[in-house]
PDB file of N, CA and C in Angstrom:
ATOM      1  N   UNK A   1     -15.157  -7.613   1.532  1.00  0.00           N
ATOM      2  CA  UNK A   1     -13.735  -7.909   1.566  1.00  0.00           C
ATOM      3  C   UNK A   1     -13.363  -8.716   0.328  1.00  0.00           C
ATOM      4  N   UNK A   2     -12.282  -8.318  -0.291  1.00  0.00           N
ATOM      5  CA  UNK A   2     -11.755  -8.999  -1.465  1.00  0.00           C
ATOM      6  C   UNK A   2     -10.319  -9.413  -1.207  1.00  0.00           C
ATOM      7  N   UNK A   3      -9.837 -10.320  -2.027  1.00  0.00           N
ATOM      8  CA  UNK A   3      -8.438 -10.723  -1.976  1.00  0.00           C
ATOM      9  C   UNK A   3      -7.648  -9.896  -2.966  1.00  0.00           C
ATOM     10  N   UNK A   4      -6.471  -9.421  -2.534  1.00  0.00           N
ATOM     11  CA  UNK A   4      -5.590  -8.603  -3.361  1.00  0.00           C
ATOM     12  C   UNK A   4      -4.182  -9.172  -3.320  1.00  0.00           C
ATOM     13  N   UNK A   5      -3.500  -9.118  -4.457  1.00  0.00           N
ATOM     14  CA  UNK A   5      -2.099  -9.505  -4.527  1.00  0.00           C
ATOM     15  C   UNK A   5      -1.266  -8.232  -4.525  1.00  0.00           C
ATOM     16  N   UNK A   6      -0.440  -8.060  -3.509  1.00  0.00           N
ATOM     17  CA  UNK A   6       0.407  -6.877  -3.363  1.00  0.00           C
ATOM     18  C   UNK A   6       1.807  -7.242  -3.838  1.00  0.00           C
ATOM     19  N   UNK A   7       2.367  -6.400  -4.732  1.00  0.00           N
ATOM     20  CA  UNK A   7       3.661  -6.701  -5.338  1.00  0.00           C
ATOM     21  C   UNK A   7       4.579  -5.486  -5.277  1.00  0.00           C
ATOM     22  N   UNK A   8       5.814  -5.721  -4.827  1.00  0.00           N
ATOM     23  CA  UNK A   8       6.839  -4.677  -4.828  1.00  0.00           C
ATOM     24  C   UNK A   8       8.186  -5.339  -4.566  1.00  0.00           C
ATOM     25  N   UNK A   9       9.275  -4.586  -4.718  1.00  0.00           N
ATOM     26  CA  UNK A   9      10.615  -5.122  -4.497  1.00  0.00           C
ATOM     27  C   UNK A   9      11.083  -4.777  -3.090  1.00  0.00           C
ATOM     28  N   UNK A  10      11.642  -5.773  -2.401  1.00  0.00           N
ATOM     29  CA  UNK A  10      12.267  -5.481  -1.113  1.00  0.00           C
ATOM     30  C   UNK A  10      13.700  -5.998  -1.139  1.00  0.00           C
ATOM     31  N   UNK A  11      14.402  -5.885  -0.030  1.00  0.00           N
ATOM     32  CA  UNK A  11      15.823  -6.219   0.002  1.00  0.00           C
ATOM     33  C   UNK A  11      16.093  -7.712  -0.210  1.00  0.00           C
ATOM     34  N   UNK A  12      15.084  -8.559  -0.083  1.00  0.00           N
ATOM     35  CA  UNK A  12      15.248  -9.994  -0.303  1.00  0.00           C
ATOM     36  C   UNK A  12      14.757 -10.443  -1.664  1.00  0.00           C
ATOM     37  N   UNK A  13      14.271  -9.543  -2.489  1.00  0.00           N
ATOM     38  CA  UNK A  13      13.731  -9.880  -3.804  1.00  0.00           C
ATOM     39  C   UNK A  13      12.337  -9.301  -3.972  1.00  0.00           C
ATOM     40  N   UNK A  14      11.572  -9.914  -4.856  1.00  0.00           N
ATOM     41  CA  UNK A  14      10.207  -9.435  -5.091  1.00  0.00           C
ATOM     42  C   UNK A  14       9.262  -9.993  -4.036  1.00  0.00           C
ATOM     43  N   UNK A  15       8.350  -9.157  -3.590  1.00  0.00           N
ATOM     44  CA  UNK A  15       7.316  -9.565  -2.642  1.00  0.00           C
ATOM     45  C   UNK A  15       6.025  -9.758  -3.423  1.00  0.00           C
ATOM     46  N   UNK A  16       5.431 -10.911  -3.261  1.00  0.00           N
ATOM     47  CA  UNK A  16       4.107 -11.208  -3.798  1.00  0.00           C
ATOM     48  C   UNK A  16       3.312 -11.754  -2.627  1.00  0.00           C
ATOM     49  N   UNK A  17       2.460 -10.948  -2.054  1.00  0.00           N
ATOM     50  CA  UNK A  17       1.736 -11.385  -0.869  1.00  0.00           C
ATOM     51  C   UNK A  17       0.249 -11.105  -1.026  1.00  0.00           C
ATOM     52  N   UNK A  18      -0.555 -12.111  -0.693  1.00  0.00           N
ATOM     53  CA  UNK A  18      -2.012 -11.962  -0.729  1.00  0.00           C
ATOM     54  C   UNK A  18      -2.492 -11.317   0.555  1.00  0.00           C
ATOM     55  N   UNK A  19      -3.490 -10.441   0.426  1.00  0.00           N
ATOM     56  CA  UNK A  19      -4.097  -9.796   1.587  1.00  0.00           C
ATOM     57  C   UNK A  19      -5.589  -9.655   1.340  1.00  0.00           C
ATOM     58  N   UNK A  20      -6.357  -9.835   2.383  1.00  0.00           N
ATOM     59  CA  UNK A  20      -7.802  -9.643   2.274  1.00  0.00           C
ATOM     60  C   UNK A  20      -8.126  -8.284   2.871  1.00  0.00           C
ATOM     61  N   UNK A  21      -8.799  -7.453   2.065  1.00  0.00           N
ATOM     62  CA  UNK A  21      -9.068  -6.094   2.498  1.00  0.00           C
ATOM     63  C   UNK A  21     -10.258  -5.531   1.738  1.00  0.00           C
ATOM     64  N   UNK A  22     -10.630  -4.295   2.078  1.00  0.00           N
ATOM     65  CA  UNK A  22     -11.780  -3.663   1.425  1.00  0.00           C
ATOM     66  C   UNK A  22     -11.380  -2.816   0.223  1.00  0.00           C
ATOM     67  N   UNK A  23     -10.088  -2.517   0.055  1.00  0.00           N
ATOM     68  CA  UNK A  23      -9.646  -1.731  -1.097  1.00  0.00           C
ATOM     69  C   UNK A  23      -8.198  -2.056  -1.441  1.00  0.00           C
ATOM     70  N   UNK A  24      -7.799  -1.642  -2.640  1.00  0.00           N
ATOM     71  CA  UNK A  24      -6.418  -1.848  -3.086  1.00  0.00           C
ATOM     72  C   UNK A  24      -5.421  -1.203  -2.121  1.00  0.00           C
ATOM     73  N   UNK A  25      -5.673   0.062  -1.794  1.00  0.00           N
ATOM     74  CA  UNK A  25      -4.745   0.809  -0.953  1.00  0.00           C
ATOM     75  C   UNK A  25      -4.673   0.238   0.459  1.00  0.00           C
ATOM     76  N   UNK A  26      -5.796  -0.184   1.012  1.00  0.00           N
ATOM     77  CA  UNK A  26      -5.788  -0.805   2.337  1.00  0.00           C
ATOM     78  C   UNK A  26      -5.000  -2.109   2.329  1.00  0.00           C
ATOM     79  N   UNK A  27      -5.119  -2.885   1.270  1.00  0.00           N
ATOM     80  CA  UNK A  27      -4.360  -4.134   1.168  1.00  0.00           C
ATOM     81  C   UNK A  27      -2.865  -3.849   1.143  1.00  0.00           C
ATOM     82  N   UNK A  28      -2.453  -2.858   0.372  1.00  0.00           N
ATOM     83  CA  UNK A  28      -1.034  -2.495   0.310  1.00  0.00           C
ATOM     84  C   UNK A  28      -0.530  -2.029   1.674  1.00  0.00           C
ATOM     85  N   UNK A  29      -1.311  -1.196   2.350  1.00  0.00           N
ATOM     86  CA  UNK A  29      -0.857  -0.704   3.659  1.00  0.00           C
ATOM     87  C   UNK A  29      -0.802  -1.836   4.684  1.00  0.00           C
ATOM     88  N   UNK A  30      -1.749  -2.778   4.642  1.00  0.00           N
ATOM     89  CA  UNK A  30      -1.727  -3.914   5.567  1.00  0.00           C
ATOM     90  C   UNK A  30      -0.470  -4.758   5.385  1.00  0.00           C
ATOM     91  N   UNK A  31      -0.117  -5.026   4.129  1.00  0.00           N
ATOM     92  CA  UNK A  31       1.080  -5.838   3.858  1.00  0.00           C
ATOM     93  C   UNK A  31       2.334  -5.110   4.323  1.00  0.00           C
ATOM     94  N   UNK A  32       2.422  -3.820   4.026  1.00  0.00           N
ATOM     95  CA  UNK A  32       3.632  -3.094   4.406  1.00  0.00           C
ATOM     96  C   UNK A  32       3.704  -2.818   5.898  1.00  0.00           C
ATOM     97  N   UNK A  33       2.576  -2.760   6.582  1.00  0.00           N
ATOM     98  CA  UNK A  33       2.610  -2.670   8.047  1.00  0.00           C
ATOM     99  C   UNK A  33       3.198  -3.964   8.605  1.00  0.00           C
ATOM    100  N   UNK A  34       2.764  -5.100   8.066  1.00  0.00           N
ATOM    101  CA  UNK A  34       3.263  -6.400   8.534  1.00  0.00           C
ATOM    102  C   UNK A  34       4.728  -6.620   8.189  1.00  0.00           C
ATOM    103  N   UNK A  35       5.130  -6.256   6.993  1.00  0.00           N
ATOM    104  CA  UNK A  35       6.497  -6.536   6.527  1.00  0.00           C
ATOM    105  C   UNK A  35       7.490  -5.442   6.875  1.00  0.00           C
ATOM    106  N   UNK A  36       7.018  -4.229   7.051  1.00  0.00           N
ATOM    107  CA  UNK A  36       7.901  -3.112   7.370  1.00  0.00           C
ATOM    108  C   UNK A  36       8.328  -2.336   6.140  1.00  0.00           C
ATOM    109  N   UNK A  37       8.269  -1.050   6.245  1.00  0.00           N
ATOM    110  CA  UNK A  37       8.642  -0.176   5.130  1.00  0.00           C
ATOM    111  C   UNK A  37      10.151  -0.124   4.942  1.00  0.00           C
ATOM    112  N   UNK A  38      10.927  -0.424   5.978  1.00  0.00           N
ATOM    113  CA  UNK A  38      12.377  -0.294   5.885  1.00  0.00           C
ATOM    114  C   UNK A  38      13.028  -1.374   5.032  1.00  0.00           C
ATOM    115  N   UNK A  39      12.315  -2.452   4.709  1.00  0.00           N
ATOM    116  CA  UNK A  39      12.878  -3.519   3.883  1.00  0.00           C
ATOM    117  C   UNK A  39      12.708  -3.268   2.387  1.00  0.00           C
ATOM    118  N   UNK A  40      11.995  -2.197   2.032  1.00  0.00           N
ATOM    119  CA  UNK A  40      11.773  -1.911   0.622  1.00  0.00           C
ATOM    120  C   UNK A  40      13.102  -1.635  -0.063  1.00  0.00           C
ATOM    121  N   UNK A  41      13.251  -2.148  -1.278  1.00  0.00           N
ATOM    122  CA  UNK A  41      14.510  -2.019  -2.006  1.00  0.00           C
ATOM    123  C   UNK A  41      14.860  -0.550  -2.237  1.00  0.00           C
ATOM    124  N   UNK A  42      13.897   0.219  -2.681  1.00  0.00           N
ATOM    125  CA  UNK A  42      14.090   1.657  -2.864  1.00  0.00           C
ATOM    126  C   UNK A  42      13.157   2.350  -1.892  1.00  0.00           C
ATOM    127  N   UNK A  43      13.699   3.146  -1.014  1.00  0.00           N
ATOM    128  CA  UNK A  43      12.866   3.758   0.015  1.00  0.00           C
ATOM    129  C   UNK A  43      12.482   5.194  -0.304  1.00  0.00           C
ATOM    130  N   UNK A  44      12.683   5.617  -1.561  1.00  0.00           N
ATOM    131  CA  UNK A  44      12.225   6.968  -1.888  1.00  0.00           C
ATOM    132  C   UNK A  44      10.706   6.967  -1.999  1.00  0.00           C
ATOM    133  N   UNK A  45      10.116   8.138  -1.913  1.00  0.00           N
ATOM    134  CA  UNK A  45       8.667   8.251  -1.807  1.00  0.00           C
ATOM    135  C   UNK A  45       7.901   7.839  -3.055  1.00  0.00           C
ATOM    136  N   UNK A  46       8.555   7.786  -4.209  1.00  0.00           N
ATOM    137  CA  UNK A  46       7.821   7.437  -5.422  1.00  0.00           C
ATOM    138  C   UNK A  46       8.047   5.997  -5.881  1.00  0.00           C
ATOM    139  N   UNK A  47       8.555   5.139  -4.996  1.00  0.00           N
ATOM    140  CA  UNK A  47       8.643   3.714  -5.283  1.00  0.00           C
ATOM    141  C   UNK A  47       7.230   3.172  -5.511  1.00  0.00           C
ATOM    142  N   UNK A  48       7.032   2.396  -6.558  1.00  0.00           N
ATOM    143  CA  UNK A  48       5.698   1.927  -6.919  1.00  0.00           C
ATOM    144  C   UNK A  48       5.380   0.570  -6.290  1.00  0.00           C
ATOM    145  N   UNK A  49       4.146   0.451  -5.822  1.00  0.00           N
ATOM    146  CA  UNK A  49       3.601  -0.782  -5.268  1.00  0.00           C
ATOM    147  C   UNK A  49       2.374  -1.110  -6.099  1.00  0.00           C
ATOM    148  N   UNK A  50       2.332  -2.311  -6.644  1.00  0.00           N
ATOM    149  CA  UNK A  50       1.224  -2.726  -7.501  1.00  0.00           C
ATOM    150  C   UNK A  50       0.322  -3.669  -6.728  1.00  0.00           C
ATOM    151  N   UNK A  51      -0.982  -3.446  -6.832  1.00  0.00           N
ATOM    152  CA  UNK A  51      -1.973  -4.263  -6.133  1.00  0.00           C
ATOM    153  C   UNK A  51      -3.009  -4.720  -7.159  1.00  0.00           C
ATOM    154  N   UNK A  52      -3.274  -6.036  -7.201  1.00  0.00           N
ATOM    155  CA  UNK A  52      -4.223  -6.596  -8.166  1.00  0.00           C
ATOM    156  C   UNK A  52      -5.329  -7.328  -7.411  1.00  0.00           C
ATOM    157  N   UNK A  53      -6.581  -6.985  -7.741  1.00  0.00           N
ATOM    158  CA  UNK A  53      -7.730  -7.655  -7.118  1.00  0.00           C
ATOM    159  C   UNK A  53      -7.922  -9.016  -7.777  1.00  0.00           C
ATOM    160  N   UNK A  54      -8.110 -10.049  -6.972  1.00  0.00           N
ATOM    161  CA  UNK A  54      -8.209 -11.423  -7.455  1.00  0.00           C
ATOM    162  C   UNK A  54      -9.430 -11.663  -8.344  1.00  0.00           C
ATOM    163  N   UNK A  55     -10.582 -11.101  -7.985  1.00  0.00           N
ATOM    164  CA  UNK A  55     -11.827 -11.411  -8.684  1.00  0.00           C
ATOM    165  C   UNK A  55     -11.854 -10.959 -10.134  1.00  0.00           C
ATOM    166  N   UNK A  56     -11.336  -9.757 -10.403  1.00  0.00           N
ATOM    167  CA  UNK A  56     -11.458  -9.220 -11.760  1.00  0.00           C
ATOM    168  C   UNK A  56     -10.148  -8.677 -12.322  1.00  0.00           C
ATOM    169  N   UNK A  57      -9.042  -8.888 -11.619  1.00  0.00           N
ATOM    170  CA  UNK A  57      -7.706  -8.491 -12.067  1.00  0.00           C
ATOM    171  C   UNK A  57      -7.545  -6.987 -12.242  1.00  0.00           C
ATOM    172  N   UNK A  58      -8.384  -6.189 -11.586  1.00  0.00           N
ATOM    173  CA  UNK A  58      -8.217  -4.742 -11.623  1.00  0.00           C
ATOM    174  C   UNK A  58      -6.982  -4.398 -10.788  1.00  0.00           C
ATOM    175  N   UNK A  59      -6.097  -3.611 -11.392  1.00  0.00           N
ATOM    176  CA  UNK A  59      -4.845  -3.281 -10.724  1.00  0.00           C
ATOM    177  C   UNK A  59      -4.839  -1.833 -10.271  1.00  0.00           C
ATOM    178  N   UNK A  60      -4.105  -1.591  -9.220  1.00  0.00           N
ATOM    179  CA  UNK A  60      -3.872  -0.234  -8.739  1.00  0.00           C
ATOM    180  C   UNK A  60      -2.393  -0.071  -8.466  1.00  0.00           C
ATOM    181  N   UNK A  61      -1.834   1.081  -8.805  1.00  0.00           N
ATOM    182  CA  UNK A  61      -0.431   1.390  -8.538  1.00  0.00           C
ATOM    183  C   UNK A  61      -0.366   2.545  -7.563  1.00  0.00           C
ATOM    184  N   UNK A  62       0.426   2.375  -6.529  1.00  0.00           N
ATOM    185  CA  UNK A  62       0.536   3.393  -5.489  1.00  0.00           C
ATOM    186  C   UNK A  62       1.998   3.646  -5.188  1.00  0.00           C
ATOM    187  N   UNK A  63       2.304   4.871  -4.801  1.00  0.00           N
ATOM    188  CA  UNK A  63       3.665   5.180  -4.385  1.00  0.00           C
ATOM    189  C   UNK A  63       3.842   4.782  -2.931  1.00  0.00           C
ATOM    190  N   UNK A  64       5.081   4.651  -2.524  1.00  0.00           N
ATOM    191  CA  UNK A  64       5.389   4.319  -1.133  1.00  0.00           C
ATOM    192  C   UNK A  64       4.794   5.366  -0.196  1.00  0.00           C
ATOM    193  N   UNK A  65       4.849   6.631  -0.600  1.00  0.00           N
ATOM    194  CA  UNK A  65       4.333   7.711   0.227  1.00  0.00           C
ATOM    195  C   UNK A  65       2.819   7.592   0.432  1.00  0.00           C
ATOM    196  N   UNK A  66       2.084   7.222  -0.612  1.00  0.00           N
ATOM    197  CA  UNK A  66       0.635   7.043  -0.499  1.00  0.00           C
ATOM    198  C   UNK A  66       0.293   5.915   0.468  1.00  0.00           C
ATOM    199  N   UNK A  67       1.013   4.806   0.329  1.00  0.00           N
ATOM    200  CA  UNK A  67       0.754   3.652   1.183  1.00  0.00           C
ATOM    201  C   UNK A  67       1.147   3.956   2.625  1.00  0.00           C
ATOM    202  N   UNK A  68       2.254   4.655   2.810  1.00  0.00           N
ATOM    203  CA  UNK A  68       2.686   5.025   4.150  1.00  0.00           C
ATOM    204  C   UNK A  68       1.664   5.937   4.816  1.00  0.00           C
ATOM    205  N   UNK A  69       1.108   6.881   4.086  1.00  0.00           N
ATOM    206  CA  UNK A  69       0.093   7.771   4.652  1.00  0.00           C
ATOM    207  C   UNK A  69      -1.145   6.974   5.066  1.00  0.00           C
ATOM    208  N   UNK A  70      -1.589   6.052   4.217  1.00  0.00           N
ATOM    209  CA  UNK A  70      -2.742   5.211   4.546  1.00  0.00           C
ATOM    210  C   UNK A  70      -2.455   4.349   5.772  1.00  0.00           C
ATOM    211  N   UNK A  71      -1.260   3.787   5.842  1.00  0.00           N
ATOM    212  CA  UNK A  71      -0.876   2.954   6.984  1.00  0.00           C
ATOM    213  C   UNK A  71      -0.865   3.763   8.273  1.00  0.00           C
ATOM    214  N   UNK A  72      -0.325   4.975   8.223  1.00  0.00           N
ATOM    215  CA  UNK A  72      -0.287   5.825   9.417  1.00  0.00           C
ATOM    216  C   UNK A  72      -1.682   6.175   9.909  1.00  0.00           C
ATOM    217  N   UNK A  73      -2.592   6.446   8.981  1.00  0.00           N
ATOM    218  CA  UNK A  73      -3.970   6.758   9.363  1.00  0.00           C
ATOM    219  C   UNK A  73      -4.633   5.533   9.983  1.00  0.00           C
ATOM    220  N   UNK A  74      -4.438   4.356   9.373  1.00  0.00           N
ATOM    221  CA  UNK A  74      -5.088   3.150   9.893  1.00  0.00           C
ATOM    222  C   UNK A  74      -4.533   2.735  11.255  1.00  0.00           C
ATOM    223  N   UNK A  75      -3.275   3.073  11.532  1.00  0.00           N
ATOM    224  CA  UNK A  75      -2.678   2.762  12.835  1.00  0.00           C
ATOM    225  C   UNK A  75      -2.915   3.843  13.879  1.00  0.00           C
ATOM    226  N   UNK A  76      -3.510   4.953  13.451  1.00  0.00           N
ATOM    227  CA  UNK A  76      -3.762   6.042  14.375  1.00  0.00           C
ATOM    228  C   UNK A  76      -2.551   6.914  14.628  1.00  0.00           C
ATOM    229  N   UNK A  77      -1.527   6.800  13.805  1.00  0.00           N
ATOM    230  CA  UNK A  77      -0.322   7.611  13.975  1.00  0.00           C
ATOM    231  C   UNK A  77      -0.467   8.990  13.350  1.00  0.00           C
ATOM    232  N   UNK A  78      -1.465   9.139  12.496  1.00  0.00           N
ATOM    233  CA  UNK A  78      -1.766  10.414  11.864  1.00  0.00           C
ATOM    234  C   UNK A  78      -3.158  10.822  12.331  1.00  0.00           C
ATOM    235  N   UNK A  79      -3.282  12.045  12.828  1.00  0.00           N
ATOM    236  CA  UNK A  79      -4.574  12.474  13.360  1.00  0.00           C
ATOM    237  C   UNK A  79      -5.569  12.809  12.269  1.00  0.00           C
ATOM    238  N   UNK A  80      -5.102  13.024  11.051  1.00  0.00           N
ATOM    239  CA  UNK A  80      -5.999  13.329   9.942  1.00  0.00           C
ATOM    240  C   UNK A  80      -6.579  12.058   9.353  1.00  0.00           C
ATOM    241  N   UNK A  81      -7.401  12.240   8.361  1.00  0.00           N
ATOM    242  CA  UNK A  81      -7.927  11.098   7.625  1.00  0.00           C
ATOM    243  C   UNK A  81      -7.632  11.306   6.162  1.00  0.00           C
ATOM    244  N   UNK A  82      -7.771  10.272   5.395  1.00  0.00           N
ATOM    245  CA  UNK A  82      -7.528  10.384   3.964  1.00  0.00           C
ATOM    246  C   UNK A  82      -8.573  11.269   3.308  1.00  0.00           C
ATOM    247  N   UNK A  83      -9.728  11.455   3.936  1.00  0.00           N
ATOM    248  CA  UNK A  83     -10.792  12.274   3.369  1.00  0.00           C
ATOM    249  C   UNK A  83     -10.589  13.767   3.609  1.00  0.00           C
ATOM    250  N   UNK A  84      -9.643  14.141   4.485  1.00  0.00           N
ATOM    251  CA  UNK A  84      -9.405  15.563   4.745  1.00  0.00           C
ATOM    252  C   UNK A  84      -9.004  16.294   3.474  1.00  0.00           C
ATOM    253  N   UNK A  85      -8.220  15.654   2.645  1.00  0.00           N
ATOM    254  CA  UNK A  85      -7.771  16.242   1.386  1.00  0.00           C
ATOM    255  C   UNK A  85      -8.063  15.242   0.280  1.00  0.00           C
ATOM    256  N   UNK A  86      -9.101  15.457  -0.501  1.00  0.00           N
ATOM    257  CA  UNK A  86      -9.477  14.472  -1.503  1.00  0.00           C
ATOM    258  C   UNK A  86      -8.406  14.243  -2.570  1.00  0.00           C
ATOM    259  N   UNK A  87      -7.481  15.168  -2.713  1.00  0.00           N
ATOM    260  CA  UNK A  87      -6.418  15.017  -3.713  1.00  0.00           C
ATOM    261  C   UNK A  87      -5.071  14.710  -3.066  1.00  0.00           C
ATOM    262  N   UNK A  88      -5.077  14.100  -1.866  1.00  0.00           N
ATOM    263  CA  UNK A  88      -3.829  13.817  -1.162  1.00  0.00           C
ATOM    264  C   UNK A  88      -2.911  12.927  -1.983  1.00  0.00           C
ATOM    265  N   UNK A  89      -3.481  12.059  -2.795  1.00  0.00           N
ATOM    266  CA  UNK A  89      -2.680  11.097  -3.564  1.00  0.00           C
ATOM    267  C   UNK A  89      -1.954  11.757  -4.716  1.00  0.00           C
ATOM    268  N   UNK A  90      -2.336  12.974  -5.101  1.00  0.00           N
ATOM    269  CA  UNK A  90      -1.679  13.660  -6.217  1.00  0.00           C
ATOM    270  C   UNK A  90      -0.410  14.368  -5.802  1.00  0.00           C
ATOM    271  N   UNK A  91      -0.195  14.546  -4.521  1.00  0.00           N
ATOM    272  CA  UNK A  91       0.973  15.305  -4.060  1.00  0.00           C
ATOM    273  C   UNK A  91       2.270  14.558  -4.271  1.00  0.00           C
TER     274      UNK A  91
END
């Protein structure tokens, strides 16, 4: 488990929230599950969410759609897994 800083814009301003998780994408989905996707400033699918790992500052950028798919899988709302389609993030 590593610490990640998740950053994106919501209706109240910029969100900078720390999350402990096993990957960049999991950290982003955990934060957005807690905060809610409906508060995002731009709710289109290609809104960018930036995640930075604390230990080495490696950053990852994900679209809202990618994070939403990961969140749905982790909550059991999607019967598939992220491994079903290895290129799911390119869509």
